[in-house]
Amino acid sequence: MAGFFVPRKIREMEKPMTFTTQLRSFVLNHGAVNNPYLDRFSEGRLTDEEFRQFAVQFFFFVKHFPRILAVLLANTPNDEAADELAMILTSELGDGNPKKRHEYLYHKFLRSIGLDPVVAAREQRLHSTHEYIEGLASLNGHENYQVAMGASFGLEHMAISMWDLLIPGIMNLKKTVPEFKQMNTVYWTFHRALEEQHEEAMMRALDDVPAEAEASLQKGCSEVLDLLEGFWMGLEEASNSNPLNVEAGFAELTTV
């Protein structure tokens, strides 16, 4: 029926349950995109301090994502998959114009909520943030390439669900918090628009996956989602003033 909206999770359930659709279903039901922190965030139920803490911790991922992607590209033996990754990395780095790097969109977001990117880059990483970033890099460089591909699959297929939780919360805060009225949200809406292309590329990369690779793909997917869930729950614990989650040795020294 024209115009009838079928929720994303129901659409996934209606598809034939190939290995990749089963893996996608696993992603959509994982705690990486179903947890108390994202539930609160999606409704804009964060204090100003919690939101700025989120912005800083997510910034570390934004800064390190090109490195993480480059590790996967270097680890990719398949030319077609490498081509897809190279296109994503090229886009992240500005398509030949370094002033259009995606990180600069995030800088605009930070400044619009009163945070200097140079100062933010020198803040302390939560232990859970460190574990997520370095764990993701390790998975992407895994000696078993199928584990790396599984991790990439998990990251790409949770992304739309993640953006669809983050963006409503961000827009709610922009609307209701006077300090955030001028918030620049282009980074968030821009990346949401890109994600369906990335999902499709990852599905193509796993077309006709051999049965013997399925366990490794599942392993990589599960491990990366566990790391991401840990990132969100680290923010939840920090919101509850848990001082044990701050790792003093993980202060960023990178200049912006």
C-alpha atoms as a PDB file:
ATOM      1  CA  MET A   1       0.000   0.000   0.000  1.00  0.00           C
ATOM      2  CA  ALA A   2       1.479   3.320  -1.113  1.00  0.00           C
ATOM      3  CA  GLY A   3       2.797   5.443   1.698  1.00  0.00           C
ATOM      4  CA  PHE A   4       2.555   2.702   4.352  1.00  0.00           C
ATOM      5  CA  PHE A   5       5.602   2.803   6.616  1.00  0.00           C
ATOM      6  CA  VAL A   6       7.055  -0.494   7.780  1.00  0.00           C
ATOM      7  CA  PRO A   7       9.482  -0.154  10.727  1.00  0.00           C
ATOM      8  CA  ARG A   8      13.104  -1.002   9.909  1.00  0.00           C
ATOM      9  CA  LYS A   9      13.320  -4.024  12.218  1.00  0.00           C
ATOM     10  CA  ILE A  10      10.111  -5.510  10.750  1.00  0.00           C
ATOM     11  CA  ARG A  11      11.431  -5.028   7.219  1.00  0.00           C
ATOM     12  CA  GLU A  12      14.562  -6.929   8.220  1.00  0.00           C
ATOM     13  CA  MET A  13      12.473  -9.794   9.670  1.00  0.00           C
ATOM     14  CA  GLU A  14      10.485 -10.121   6.430  1.00  0.00           C
ATOM     15  CA  LYS A  15      13.604 -10.707   4.301  1.00  0.00           C
ATOM     16  CA  PRO A  16      14.813 -14.276   3.604  1.00  0.00           C
ATOM     17  CA  MET A  17      17.133 -15.201   6.440  1.00  0.00           C
ATOM     18  CA  THR A  18      20.421 -15.587   4.632  1.00  0.00           C
ATOM     19  CA  PHE A  19      23.563 -15.476   6.734  1.00  0.00           C
ATOM     20  CA  THR A  20      23.980 -11.743   6.114  1.00  0.00           C
ATOM     21  CA  THR A  21      20.358 -10.949   7.024  1.00  0.00           C
ATOM     22  CA  GLN A  22      20.728 -13.037  10.188  1.00  0.00           C
ATOM     23  CA  LEU A  23      23.894 -11.108  11.009  1.00  0.00           C
ATOM     24  CA  ARG A  24      22.134  -7.799  10.384  1.00  0.00           C
ATOM     25  CA  SER A  25      19.286  -8.867  12.674  1.00  0.00           C
ATOM     26  CA  PHE A  26      21.868  -9.688  15.352  1.00  0.00           C
ATOM     27  CA  VAL A  27      23.308  -6.183  14.955  1.00  0.00           C
ATOM     28  CA  LEU A  28      19.940  -4.436  15.243  1.00  0.00           C
ATOM     29  CA  ASN A  29      19.069  -6.292  18.444  1.00  0.00           C
ATOM     30  CA  HIS A  30      22.458  -5.876  20.154  1.00  0.00           C
ATOM     31  CA  GLY A  31      23.085  -3.670  23.171  1.00  0.00           C
ATOM     32  CA  ALA A  32      25.298  -1.481  20.987  1.00  0.00           C
ATOM     33  CA  VAL A  33      22.121   0.216  19.745  1.00  0.00           C
ATOM     34  CA  ASN A  34      19.736  -0.832  22.538  1.00  0.00           C
ATOM     35  CA  ASN A  35      20.915   0.497  25.882  1.00  0.00           C
ATOM     36  CA  PRO A  36      19.889   2.951  28.631  1.00  0.00           C
ATOM     37  CA  TYR A  37      22.299   5.675  27.528  1.00  0.00           C
ATOM     38  CA  LEU A  38      21.016   5.816  23.955  1.00  0.00           C
ATOM     39  CA  ASP A  39      17.437   5.615  25.223  1.00  0.00           C
ATOM     40  CA  ARG A  40      18.027   8.745  27.301  1.00  0.00           C
ATOM     41  CA  PHE A  41      19.996  10.434  24.558  1.00  0.00           C
ATOM     42  CA  SER A  42      17.315   9.880  21.908  1.00  0.00           C
ATOM     43  CA  GLU A  43      14.854  11.822  24.054  1.00  0.00           C
ATOM     44  CA  GLY A  44      17.304  14.609  24.830  1.00  0.00           C
ATOM     45  CA  ARG A  45      17.382  13.683  28.523  1.00  0.00           C
ATOM     46  CA  LEU A  46      20.998  14.745  29.090  1.00  0.00           C
ATOM     47  CA  THR A  47      22.357  17.575  31.171  1.00  0.00           C
ATOM     48  CA  ASP A  48      24.505  20.192  29.433  1.00  0.00           C
ATOM     49  CA  GLU A  49      27.569  18.617  31.062  1.00  0.00           C
ATOM     50  CA  GLU A  50      26.632  15.110  29.908  1.00  0.00           C
ATOM     51  CA  PHE A  51      26.086  16.311  26.347  1.00  0.00           C
ATOM     52  CA  ARG A  52      29.426  18.058  26.220  1.00  0.00           C
ATOM     53  CA  GLN A  53      31.109  14.981  27.655  1.00  0.00           C
ATOM     54  CA  PHE A  54      29.519  12.915  24.892  1.00  0.00           C
ATOM     55  CA  ALA A  55      30.732  15.430  22.305  1.00  0.00           C
ATOM     56  CA  VAL A  56      34.318  15.185  23.546  1.00  0.00           C
ATOM     57  CA  GLN A  57      34.392  11.381  23.803  1.00  0.00           C
ATOM     58  CA  PHE A  58      32.818  10.947  20.362  1.00  0.00           C
ATOM     59  CA  PHE A  59      35.412  13.393  19.011  1.00  0.00           C
ATOM     60  CA  PHE A  60      38.149  10.895  19.801  1.00  0.00           C
ATOM     61  CA  PHE A  61      36.429   8.370  17.547  1.00  0.00           C
ATOM     62  CA  VAL A  62      36.005  10.988  14.799  1.00  0.00           C
ATOM     63  CA  LYS A  63      39.717  11.853  14.957  1.00  0.00           C
ATOM     64  CA  HIS A  64      40.862   8.239  14.867  1.00  0.00           C
ATOM     65  CA  PHE A  65      38.347   6.894  12.335  1.00  0.00           C
ATOM     66  CA  PRO A  66      40.566   7.546   9.259  1.00  0.00           C
ATOM     67  CA  ARG A  67      43.406   5.593  10.946  1.00  0.00           C
ATOM     68  CA  ILE A  68      41.029   2.754  11.791  1.00  0.00           C
ATOM     69  CA  LEU A  69      39.699   2.665   8.237  1.00  0.00           C
ATOM     70  CA  ALA A  70      43.225   2.753   6.788  1.00  0.00           C
ATOM     71  CA  VAL A  71      44.131  -0.306   8.885  1.00  0.00           C
ATOM     72  CA  LEU A  72      41.217  -2.210   7.369  1.00  0.00           C
ATOM     73  CA  LEU A  73      42.137  -1.046   3.860  1.00  0.00           C
ATOM     74  CA  ALA A  74      45.720  -2.259   4.333  1.00  0.00           C
ATOM     75  CA  ASN A  75      44.373  -5.594   5.597  1.00  0.00           C
ATOM     76  CA  THR A  76      41.983  -6.134   2.675  1.00  0.00           C
ATOM     77  CA  PRO A  77      43.074  -8.715   0.065  1.00  0.00           C
ATOM     78  CA  ASN A  78      40.013  -8.290  -2.177  1.00  0.00           C
ATOM     79  CA  ASP A  79      40.355  -5.535  -4.776  1.00  0.00           C
ATOM     80  CA  GLU A  80      36.648  -4.715  -4.986  1.00  0.00           C
ATOM     81  CA  ALA A  81      36.278  -4.449  -1.213  1.00  0.00           C
ATOM     82  CA  ALA A  82      39.471  -2.361  -1.079  1.00  0.00           C
ATOM     83  CA  ASP A  83      38.037  -0.030  -3.722  1.00  0.00           C
ATOM     84  CA  GLU A  84      34.891   0.505  -1.627  1.00  0.00           C
ATOM     85  CA  LEU A  85      36.992   1.224   1.472  1.00  0.00           C
ATOM     86  CA  ALA A  86      39.259   3.585  -0.448  1.00  0.00           C
ATOM     87  CA  MET A  87      36.216   5.576  -1.560  1.00  0.00           C
ATOM     88  CA  ILE A  88      34.961   5.875   2.025  1.00  0.00           C
ATOM     89  CA  LEU A  89      38.414   6.909   3.274  1.00  0.00           C
ATOM     90  CA  THR A  90      38.792   9.434   0.443  1.00  0.00           C
ATOM     91  CA  SER A  91      35.431  10.929   1.379  1.00  0.00           C
ATOM     92  CA  GLU A  92      36.441  11.128   5.063  1.00  0.00           C
ATOM     93  CA  LEU A  93      39.568  13.036   4.048  1.00  0.00           C
ATOM     94  CA  GLY A  94      37.734  15.548   1.872  1.00  0.00           C
ATOM     95  CA  ASP A  95      37.826  13.998  -1.618  1.00  0.00           C
ATOM     96  CA  GLY A  96      41.181  15.610  -2.356  1.00  0.00           C
ATOM     97  CA  ASN A  97      40.480  18.845  -0.513  1.00  0.00           C
ATOM     98  CA  PRO A  98      41.851  18.614   3.046  1.00  0.00           C
ATOM     99  CA  LYS A  99      39.721  21.600   4.098  1.00  0.00           C
ATOM    100  CA  LYS A 100      36.657  19.406   3.507  1.00  0.00           C
ATOM    101  CA  ARG A 101      37.737  16.634   5.864  1.00  0.00           C
ATOM    102  CA  HIS A 102      34.758  15.342   7.824  1.00  0.00           C
ATOM    103  CA  GLU A 103      36.573  16.132  11.036  1.00  0.00           C
ATOM    104  CA  TYR A 104      36.190  19.825  10.236  1.00  0.00           C
ATOM    105  CA  LEU A 105      32.407  19.392  10.241  1.00  0.00           C
ATOM    106  CA  TYR A 106      32.780  18.057  13.761  1.00  0.00           C
ATOM    107  CA  HIS A 107      34.920  21.056  14.719  1.00  0.00           C
ATOM    108  CA  LYS A 108      32.028  23.317  13.717  1.00  0.00           C
ATOM    109  CA  PHE A 109      29.694  21.252  15.884  1.00  0.00           C
ATOM    110  CA  LEU A 110      32.059  21.513  18.866  1.00  0.00           C
ATOM    111  CA  ARG A 111      32.470  25.260  18.530  1.00  0.00           C
ATOM    112  CA  SER A 112      28.711  25.716  18.251  1.00  0.00           C
ATOM    113  CA  ILE A 113      28.246  24.177  21.716  1.00  0.00           C
ATOM    114  CA  GLY A 114      31.068  26.158  23.281  1.00  0.00           C
ATOM    115  CA  LEU A 115      33.935  23.687  22.955  1.00  0.00           C
ATOM    116  CA  ASP A 116      37.306  24.495  21.404  1.00  0.00           C
ATOM    117  CA  PRO A 117      38.470  21.522  19.261  1.00  0.00           C
ATOM    118  CA  VAL A 118      42.085  22.051  20.358  1.00  0.00           C
ATOM    119  CA  VAL A 119      41.093  21.863  24.026  1.00  0.00           C
ATOM    120  CA  ALA A 120      38.685  18.949  23.412  1.00  0.00           C
ATOM    121  CA  ALA A 121      41.440  16.940  21.725  1.00  0.00           C
ATOM    122  CA  ARG A 122      43.518  17.201  24.907  1.00  0.00           C
ATOM    123  CA  GLU A 123      40.794  16.031  27.249  1.00  0.00           C
ATOM    124  CA  GLN A 124      41.041  12.631  28.897  1.00  0.00           C
ATOM    125  CA  ARG A 125      39.578   9.641  27.179  1.00  0.00           C
ATOM    126  CA  LEU A 126      37.355   7.446  29.287  1.00  0.00           C
ATOM    127  CA  HIS A 127      38.764   3.948  29.636  1.00  0.00           C
ATOM    128  CA  SER A 128      35.762   2.635  27.696  1.00  0.00           C
ATOM    129  CA  THR A 129      36.456   5.120  24.878  1.00  0.00           C
ATOM    130  CA  HIS A 130      40.063   3.965  24.671  1.00  0.00           C
ATOM    131  CA  GLU A 131      38.982   0.321  24.618  1.00  0.00           C
ATOM    132  CA  TYR A 132      36.514   1.013  21.818  1.00  0.00           C
ATOM    133  CA  ILE A 133      38.921   2.924  19.572  1.00  0.00           C
ATOM    134  CA  GLU A 134      41.938   0.664  20.027  1.00  0.00           C
ATOM    135  CA  GLY A 135      39.810  -2.490  19.993  1.00  0.00           C
ATOM    136  CA  LEU A 136      38.291  -1.413  16.691  1.00  0.00           C
ATOM    137  CA  ALA A 137      41.729  -0.778  15.206  1.00  0.00           C
ATOM    138  CA  SER A 138      42.888  -4.193  16.427  1.00  0.00           C
ATOM    139  CA  LEU A 139      39.874  -5.962  14.924  1.00  0.00           C
ATOM    140  CA  ASN A 140      40.331  -4.199  11.580  1.00  0.00           C
ATOM    141  CA  GLY A 141      43.937  -5.384  11.479  1.00  0.00           C
ATOM    142  CA  HIS A 142      43.110  -8.929  12.603  1.00  0.00           C
ATOM    143  CA  GLU A 143      45.250 -11.647  11.017  1.00  0.00           C
ATOM    144  CA  ASN A 144      42.043 -13.402  10.022  1.00  0.00           C
ATOM    145  CA  TYR A 145      40.588 -11.028   7.448  1.00  0.00           C
ATOM    146  CA  GLN A 146      37.068 -12.455   7.871  1.00  0.00           C
ATOM    147  CA  VAL A 147      37.109 -11.303  11.505  1.00  0.00           C
ATOM    148  CA  ALA A 148      38.011  -7.811  10.282  1.00  0.00           C
ATOM    149  CA  MET A 149      35.190  -7.903   7.728  1.00  0.00           C
ATOM    150  CA  GLY A 150      32.750  -9.023  10.405  1.00  0.00           C
ATOM    151  CA  ALA A 151      33.758  -6.054  12.540  1.00  0.00           C
ATOM    152  CA  SER A 152      33.280  -3.705   9.607  1.00  0.00           C
ATOM    153  CA  PHE A 153      29.883  -5.260   8.879  1.00  0.00           C
ATOM    154  CA  GLY A 154      28.786  -4.726  12.481  1.00  0.00           C
ATOM    155  CA  LEU A 155      29.926  -1.108  12.507  1.00  0.00           C
ATOM    156  CA  GLU A 156      28.252  -0.226   9.222  1.00  0.00           C
ATOM    157  CA  HIS A 157      24.968  -1.970   9.971  1.00  0.00           C
ATOM    158  CA  MET A 158      24.501  -0.438  13.393  1.00  0.00           C
ATOM    159  CA  ALA A 159      25.223   3.036  12.046  1.00  0.00           C
ATOM    160  CA  ILE A 160      21.759   3.987  10.746  1.00  0.00           C
ATOM    161  CA  SER A 161      20.150   2.842  13.987  1.00  0.00           C
ATOM    162  CA  MET A 162      22.733   4.830  15.939  1.00  0.00           C
ATOM    163  CA  TRP A 163      22.217   8.032  13.932  1.00  0.00           C
ATOM    164  CA  ASP A 164      18.449   7.587  14.245  1.00  0.00           C
ATOM    165  CA  LEU A 165      18.829   7.643  18.024  1.00  0.00           C
ATOM    166  CA  LEU A 166      21.431  10.387  18.260  1.00  0.00           C
ATOM    167  CA  ILE A 167      19.927  12.907  15.843  1.00  0.00           C
ATOM    168  CA  PRO A 168      16.488  13.240  17.530  1.00  0.00           C
ATOM    169  CA  GLY A 169      18.192  13.802  20.877  1.00  0.00           C
ATOM    170  CA  ILE A 170      20.557  16.375  19.411  1.00  0.00           C
ATOM    171  CA  MET A 171      17.662  18.204  17.734  1.00  0.00           C
ATOM    172  CA  ASN A 172      15.675  18.113  20.969  1.00  0.00           C
ATOM    173  CA  LEU A 173      18.552  19.677  22.887  1.00  0.00           C
ATOM    174  CA  LYS A 174      18.982  22.321  20.189  1.00  0.00           C
ATOM    175  CA  LYS A 175      15.312  23.191  20.494  1.00  0.00           C
ATOM    176  CA  THR A 176      15.013  23.186  24.277  1.00  0.00           C
ATOM    177  CA  VAL A 177      18.388  24.292  25.695  1.00  0.00           C
ATOM    178  CA  PRO A 178      19.096  28.008  25.198  1.00  0.00           C
ATOM    179  CA  GLU A 179      22.884  27.460  25.122  1.00  0.00           C
ATOM    180  CA  PHE A 180      22.487  25.039  22.198  1.00  0.00           C
ATOM    181  CA  LYS A 181      20.133  27.092  20.025  1.00  0.00           C
ATOM    182  CA  GLN A 182      22.918  27.825  17.530  1.00  0.00           C
ATOM    183  CA  MET A 183      24.196  24.239  17.467  1.00  0.00           C
ATOM    184  CA  ASN A 184      25.636  23.212  14.088  1.00  0.00           C
ATOM    185  CA  THR A 185      24.212  19.755  13.300  1.00  0.00           C
ATOM    186  CA  VAL A 186      25.587  19.278   9.769  1.00  0.00           C
ATOM    187  CA  TYR A 187      28.070  16.584  10.839  1.00  0.00           C
ATOM    188  CA  TRP A 188      25.232  14.404  12.117  1.00  0.00           C
ATOM    189  CA  THR A 189      22.726  14.860   9.289  1.00  0.00           C
ATOM    190  CA  PHE A 190      25.444  14.567   6.623  1.00  0.00           C
ATOM    191  CA  HIS A 191      26.656  11.216   7.923  1.00  0.00           C
ATOM    192  CA  ARG A 192      23.132   9.854   8.318  1.00  0.00           C
ATOM    193  CA  ALA A 193      22.569  10.512   4.620  1.00  0.00           C
ATOM    194  CA  LEU A 194      25.725   8.552   3.694  1.00  0.00           C
ATOM    195  CA  GLU A 195      25.033   5.429   5.701  1.00  0.00           C
ATOM    196  CA  GLU A 196      22.627   3.580   3.419  1.00  0.00           C
ATOM    197  CA  GLN A 197      25.273   3.645   0.677  1.00  0.00           C
ATOM    198  CA  HIS A 198      27.798   2.190   3.124  1.00  0.00           C
ATOM    199  CA  GLU A 199      25.385  -0.571   4.181  1.00  0.00           C
ATOM    200  CA  GLU A 200      24.784  -1.551   0.577  1.00  0.00           C
ATOM    201  CA  ALA A 201      28.530  -1.613  -0.110  1.00  0.00           C
ATOM    202  CA  MET A 202      29.105  -3.907   2.864  1.00  0.00           C
ATOM    203  CA  MET A 203      26.309  -6.261   1.792  1.00  0.00           C
ATOM    204  CA  ARG A 204      27.933  -6.497  -1.657  1.00  0.00           C
ATOM    205  CA  ALA A 205      31.296  -7.227  -0.049  1.00  0.00           C
ATOM    206  CA  LEU A 206      29.778 -10.247   1.742  1.00  0.00           C
ATOM    207  CA  ASP A 207      27.804 -11.605  -1.218  1.00  0.00           C
ATOM    208  CA  ASP A 208      28.143 -15.410  -1.482  1.00  0.00           C
ATOM    209  CA  VAL A 209      30.237 -15.668   1.654  1.00  0.00           C
ATOM    210  CA  PRO A 210      31.552 -19.245   2.064  1.00  0.00           C
ATOM    211  CA  ALA A 211      30.092 -21.207   4.968  1.00  0.00           C
ATOM    212  CA  GLU A 212      33.528 -21.733   6.499  1.00  0.00           C
ATOM    213  CA  ALA A 213      33.919 -17.960   6.923  1.00  0.00           C
ATOM    214  CA  GLU A 214      30.664 -17.447   8.821  1.00  0.00           C
ATOM    215  CA  ALA A 215      32.026 -18.154  12.307  1.00  0.00           C
ATOM    216  CA  SER A 216      34.867 -15.629  11.850  1.00  0.00           C
ATOM    217  CA  LEU A 217      32.496 -12.997  10.498  1.00  0.00           C
ATOM    218  CA  GLN A 218      30.173 -13.551  13.463  1.00  0.00           C
ATOM    219  CA  LYS A 219      33.117 -13.270  15.859  1.00  0.00           C
ATOM    220  CA  GLY A 220      34.276  -9.942  14.443  1.00  0.00           C
ATOM    221  CA  CYS A 221      30.754  -8.546  14.352  1.00  0.00           C
ATOM    222  CA  SER A 222      30.002  -9.588  17.925  1.00  0.00           C
ATOM    223  CA  GLU A 223      33.280  -8.247  19.308  1.00  0.00           C
ATOM    224  CA  VAL A 224      32.970  -4.824  17.695  1.00  0.00           C
ATOM    225  CA  LEU A 225      29.399  -4.448  18.928  1.00  0.00           C
ATOM    226  CA  ASP A 226      30.476  -5.393  22.450  1.00  0.00           C
ATOM    227  CA  LEU A 227      33.125  -2.663  22.273  1.00  0.00           C
ATOM    228  CA  LEU A 228      30.578  -0.109  21.082  1.00  0.00           C
ATOM    229  CA  GLU A 229      28.131  -1.085  23.807  1.00  0.00           C
ATOM    230  CA  GLY A 230      30.996  -0.575  26.258  1.00  0.00           C
ATOM    231  CA  PHE A 231      31.559   2.924  24.854  1.00  0.00           C
ATOM    232  CA  TRP A 232      27.940   3.927  25.488  1.00  0.00           C
ATOM    233  CA  MET A 233      27.788   2.311  28.897  1.00  0.00           C
ATOM    234  CA  GLY A 234      31.053   4.033  29.815  1.00  0.00           C
ATOM    235  CA  LEU A 235      29.307   7.335  29.181  1.00  0.00           C
ATOM    236  CA  GLU A 236      26.361   6.133  31.255  1.00  0.00           C
ATOM    237  CA  GLU A 237      28.665   5.246  34.137  1.00  0.00           C
ATOM    238  CA  ALA A 238      30.456   8.585  33.818  1.00  0.00           C
ATOM    239  CA  SER A 239      27.072  10.294  33.991  1.00  0.00           C
ATOM    240  CA  ASN A 240      26.626   8.583  37.337  1.00  0.00           C
ATOM    241  CA  SER A 241      29.960  10.079  38.470  1.00  0.00           C
ATOM    242  CA  ASN A 242      31.963   6.867  38.428  1.00  0.00           C
ATOM    243  CA  PRO A 243      35.580   8.100  38.787  1.00  0.00           C
ATOM    244  CA  LEU A 244      36.992   4.647  38.003  1.00  0.00           C
ATOM    245  CA  ASN A 245      36.093   5.022  34.344  1.00  0.00           C
ATOM    246  CA  VAL A 246      38.622   7.794  33.710  1.00  0.00           C
ATOM    247  CA  GLU A 247      41.992   6.517  32.526  1.00  0.00           C
ATOM    248  CA  ALA A 248      44.557   9.217  33.288  1.00  0.00           C
ATOM    249  CA  GLY A 249      47.065   7.781  30.861  1.00  0.00           C
ATOM    250  CA  PHE A 250      44.817   8.253  27.843  1.00  0.00           C
ATOM    251  CA  ALA A 251      44.922  12.041  27.550  1.00  0.00           C
ATOM    252  CA  GLU A 252      45.119  13.048  23.886  1.00  0.00           C
ATOM    253  CA  LEU A 253      48.104  15.200  22.966  1.00  0.00           C
ATOM    254  CA  THR A 254      47.158  15.665  19.330  1.00  0.00           C
ATOM    255  CA  THR A 255      46.975  19.229  18.036  1.00  0.00           C
ATOM    256  CA  VAL A 256      44.066  20.227  15.814  1.00  0.00           C
END
